Every structure is written in structure tokens, then in C-alpha cells.
Amino acid sequence: MSQKIILGVLAVGILVFFLSRNSSDPLTPAQRSVATELGNYGFKDVDVTQLDPSALAEISVLLHSGKGTAHIKGNIGAILNKTSSN
């Protein structure tokens, strides 16, 4: 794994820790983060509570990968299609 991805995941983890301490939101901080970003890529209708933890983590890493918008959007679609077909 590249250093940028590891640092991105670490940053998300730290953010999740601090946000979870004072949140009354029904979503976990990881779910909230992914839900917010999914809206930016045209997937705002996705119910992140229905994603399994591995799909949620995979999307989170992808969102912080530094790849181009088209690459990220295409891979999110593939993850969501794979998840919904199971």
C-alpha cells in the first residue's frame, strides 16, 4: 500500500475517533464520511448503513486515494454493484 493511502486511512481513523465522541448522528463517523463523499460523486442515494464493513472501508480508501474523479466514480460503481449482487 502506498504511503499516501496509509496516511489517508490514518487521517480518516483519527477523524472518526474525534467525531464519534460527541455525535448524536445515527450514522457512524465512517458512514457519515463516506455518505458525504458519495454525494460528491453522484451516489447520494446510497444507504451507507446497508454496506458491509469491507465495502465501506474499500470505498473510504478509494475516496482518499488521490486518483482522478472518473477512476474513483467508476470503482465506487463497481463496489456498489458487487455488493448489491450478493
C-alpha atoms as a PDB file:
ATOM      1  CA  MET A   1       0.000   0.000   0.000  1.00  0.00           C
ATOM      2  CA  SER A   2       1.350   3.411  -0.807  1.00  0.00           C
ATOM      3  CA  GLN A   3       2.267   5.842   1.903  1.00  0.00           C
ATOM      4  CA  LYS A   4      -0.426   8.328   0.784  1.00  0.00           C
ATOM      5  CA  ILE A   5      -3.167   5.721   1.169  1.00  0.00           C
ATOM      6  CA  ILE A   6      -1.905   4.680   4.590  1.00  0.00           C
ATOM      7  CA  LEU A   7      -1.775   8.309   5.737  1.00  0.00           C
ATOM      8  CA  GLY A   8      -5.258   8.910   4.322  1.00  0.00           C
ATOM      9  CA  VAL A   9      -6.706   5.922   6.158  1.00  0.00           C
ATOM     10  CA  LEU A  10      -4.945   7.009   9.346  1.00  0.00           C
ATOM     11  CA  ALA A  11      -6.349  10.532   8.994  1.00  0.00           C
ATOM     12  CA  VAL A  12      -9.858   9.132   8.499  1.00  0.00           C
ATOM     13  CA  GLY A  13      -9.401   6.965  11.586  1.00  0.00           C
ATOM     14  CA  ILE A  14      -8.371   9.934  13.698  1.00  0.00           C
ATOM     15  CA  LEU A  15     -11.277  11.963  12.349  1.00  0.00           C
ATOM     16  CA  VAL A  16     -13.670   9.112  13.107  1.00  0.00           C
ATOM     17  CA  PHE A  17     -12.379   8.905  16.673  1.00  0.00           C
ATOM     18  CA  PHE A  18     -12.901  12.585  17.400  1.00  0.00           C
ATOM     19  CA  LEU A  19     -16.254  12.829  15.648  1.00  0.00           C
ATOM     20  CA  SER A  20     -17.636   9.767  17.423  1.00  0.00           C
ATOM     21  CA  ARG A  21     -17.051  11.250  20.853  1.00  0.00           C
ATOM     22  CA  ASN A  22     -19.787  13.911  20.602  1.00  0.00           C
ATOM     23  CA  SER A  23     -22.114  12.723  17.870  1.00  0.00           C
ATOM     24  CA  SER A  24     -25.856  12.130  18.090  1.00  0.00           C
ATOM     25  CA  ASP A  25     -25.907  11.168  14.408  1.00  0.00           C
ATOM     26  CA  PRO A  26     -27.356   7.686  13.774  1.00  0.00           C
ATOM     27  CA  LEU A  27     -24.527   7.018  11.307  1.00  0.00           C
ATOM     28  CA  THR A  28     -21.091   6.045  12.459  1.00  0.00           C
ATOM     29  CA  PRO A  29     -18.437   8.625  11.640  1.00  0.00           C
ATOM     30  CA  ALA A  30     -17.057   6.353   8.898  1.00  0.00           C
ATOM     31  CA  GLN A  31     -20.525   6.008   7.378  1.00  0.00           C
ATOM     32  CA  ARG A  32     -21.104   9.770   7.575  1.00  0.00           C
ATOM     33  CA  SER A  33     -17.762  10.497   5.907  1.00  0.00           C
ATOM     34  CA  VAL A  34     -18.416   8.053   3.070  1.00  0.00           C
ATOM     35  CA  ALA A  35     -22.045   9.216   2.662  1.00  0.00           C
ATOM     36  CA  THR A  36     -20.917  12.822   2.313  1.00  0.00           C
ATOM     37  CA  GLU A  37     -18.277  11.961  -0.260  1.00  0.00           C
ATOM     38  CA  LEU A  38     -20.591   9.630  -2.205  1.00  0.00           C
ATOM     39  CA  GLY A  39     -22.868  12.606  -2.803  1.00  0.00           C
ATOM     40  CA  ASN A  40     -19.971  14.414  -4.456  1.00  0.00           C
ATOM     41  CA  TYR A  41     -19.576  11.541  -6.922  1.00  0.00           C
ATOM     42  CA  GLY A  42     -23.259  11.162  -7.833  1.00  0.00           C
ATOM     43  CA  PHE A  43     -24.119   8.369  -5.395  1.00  0.00           C
ATOM     44  CA  LYS A  44     -26.104  10.370  -2.823  1.00  0.00           C
ATOM     45  CA  ASP A  45     -28.990   7.854  -2.820  1.00  0.00           C
ATOM     46  CA  VAL A  46     -26.775   5.067  -1.427  1.00  0.00           C
ATOM     47  CA  ASP A  47     -27.790   3.874   2.055  1.00  0.00           C
ATOM     48  CA  VAL A  48     -24.387   3.501   3.680  1.00  0.00           C
ATOM     49  CA  THR A  49     -25.922   1.613   6.606  1.00  0.00           C
ATOM     50  CA  GLN A  50     -26.533  -1.268   4.208  1.00  0.00           C
ATOM     51  CA  LEU A  51     -22.876  -1.509   3.146  1.00  0.00           C
ATOM     52  CA  ASP A  52     -20.826  -4.227   4.766  1.00  0.00           C
ATOM     53  CA  PRO A  53     -17.736  -3.000   6.633  1.00  0.00           C
ATOM     54  CA  SER A  54     -15.327  -4.197   3.948  1.00  0.00           C
ATOM     55  CA  ALA A  55     -17.177  -2.296   1.198  1.00  0.00           C
ATOM     56  CA  LEU A  56     -17.323   0.800   3.407  1.00  0.00           C
ATOM     57  CA  ALA A  57     -13.573   0.598   4.044  1.00  0.00           C
ATOM     58  CA  GLU A  58     -12.806  -0.068   0.381  1.00  0.00           C
ATOM     59  CA  ILE A  59     -14.808   2.993  -0.682  1.00  0.00           C
ATOM     60  CA  SER A  60     -13.191   5.125   2.029  1.00  0.00           C
ATOM     61  CA  VAL A  61      -9.689   4.203   0.879  1.00  0.00           C
ATOM     62  CA  LEU A  62     -10.675   4.854  -2.730  1.00  0.00           C
ATOM     63  CA  LEU A  63     -12.096   8.286  -1.869  1.00  0.00           C
ATOM     64  CA  HIS A  64      -8.769   9.272  -0.321  1.00  0.00           C
ATOM     65  CA  SER A  65      -6.567   7.655  -2.968  1.00  0.00           C
ATOM     66  CA  GLY A  66      -5.802  10.809  -4.929  1.00  0.00           C
ATOM     67  CA  LYS A  67      -6.975   9.157  -8.148  1.00  0.00           C
ATOM     68  CA  GLY A  68      -8.986  11.053 -10.746  1.00  0.00           C
ATOM     69  CA  THR A  69     -12.721  11.623 -10.453  1.00  0.00           C
ATOM     70  CA  ALA A  70     -13.623   9.228 -13.258  1.00  0.00           C
ATOM     71  CA  HIS A  71     -11.458   6.472 -11.768  1.00  0.00           C
ATOM     72  CA  ILE A  72     -12.982   6.921  -8.310  1.00  0.00           C
ATOM     73  CA  LYS A  73     -16.554   7.119  -9.645  1.00  0.00           C
ATOM     74  CA  GLY A  74     -16.105   4.000 -11.769  1.00  0.00           C
ATOM     75  CA  ASN A  75     -14.632   1.995  -8.929  1.00  0.00           C
ATOM     76  CA  ILE A  76     -17.327   3.104  -6.490  1.00  0.00           C
ATOM     77  CA  GLY A  77     -19.924   1.908  -9.004  1.00  0.00           C
ATOM     78  CA  ALA A  78     -18.155  -1.437  -9.276  1.00  0.00           C
ATOM     79  CA  ILE A  79     -18.012  -1.849  -5.490  1.00  0.00           C
ATOM     80  CA  LEU A  80     -21.683  -0.964  -5.110  1.00  0.00           C
ATOM     81  CA  ASN A  81     -22.721  -3.317  -7.940  1.00  0.00           C
ATOM     82  CA  LYS A  82     -20.661  -6.138  -6.454  1.00  0.00           C
ATOM     83  CA  THR A  83     -22.209  -5.523  -3.023  1.00  0.00           C
ATOM     84  CA  SER A  84     -25.786  -5.376  -4.298  1.00  0.00           C
ATOM     85  CA  SER A  85     -25.434  -8.531  -6.416  1.00  0.00           C
ATOM     86  CA  ASN A  86     -24.519 -10.693  -3.392  1.00  0.00           C
END
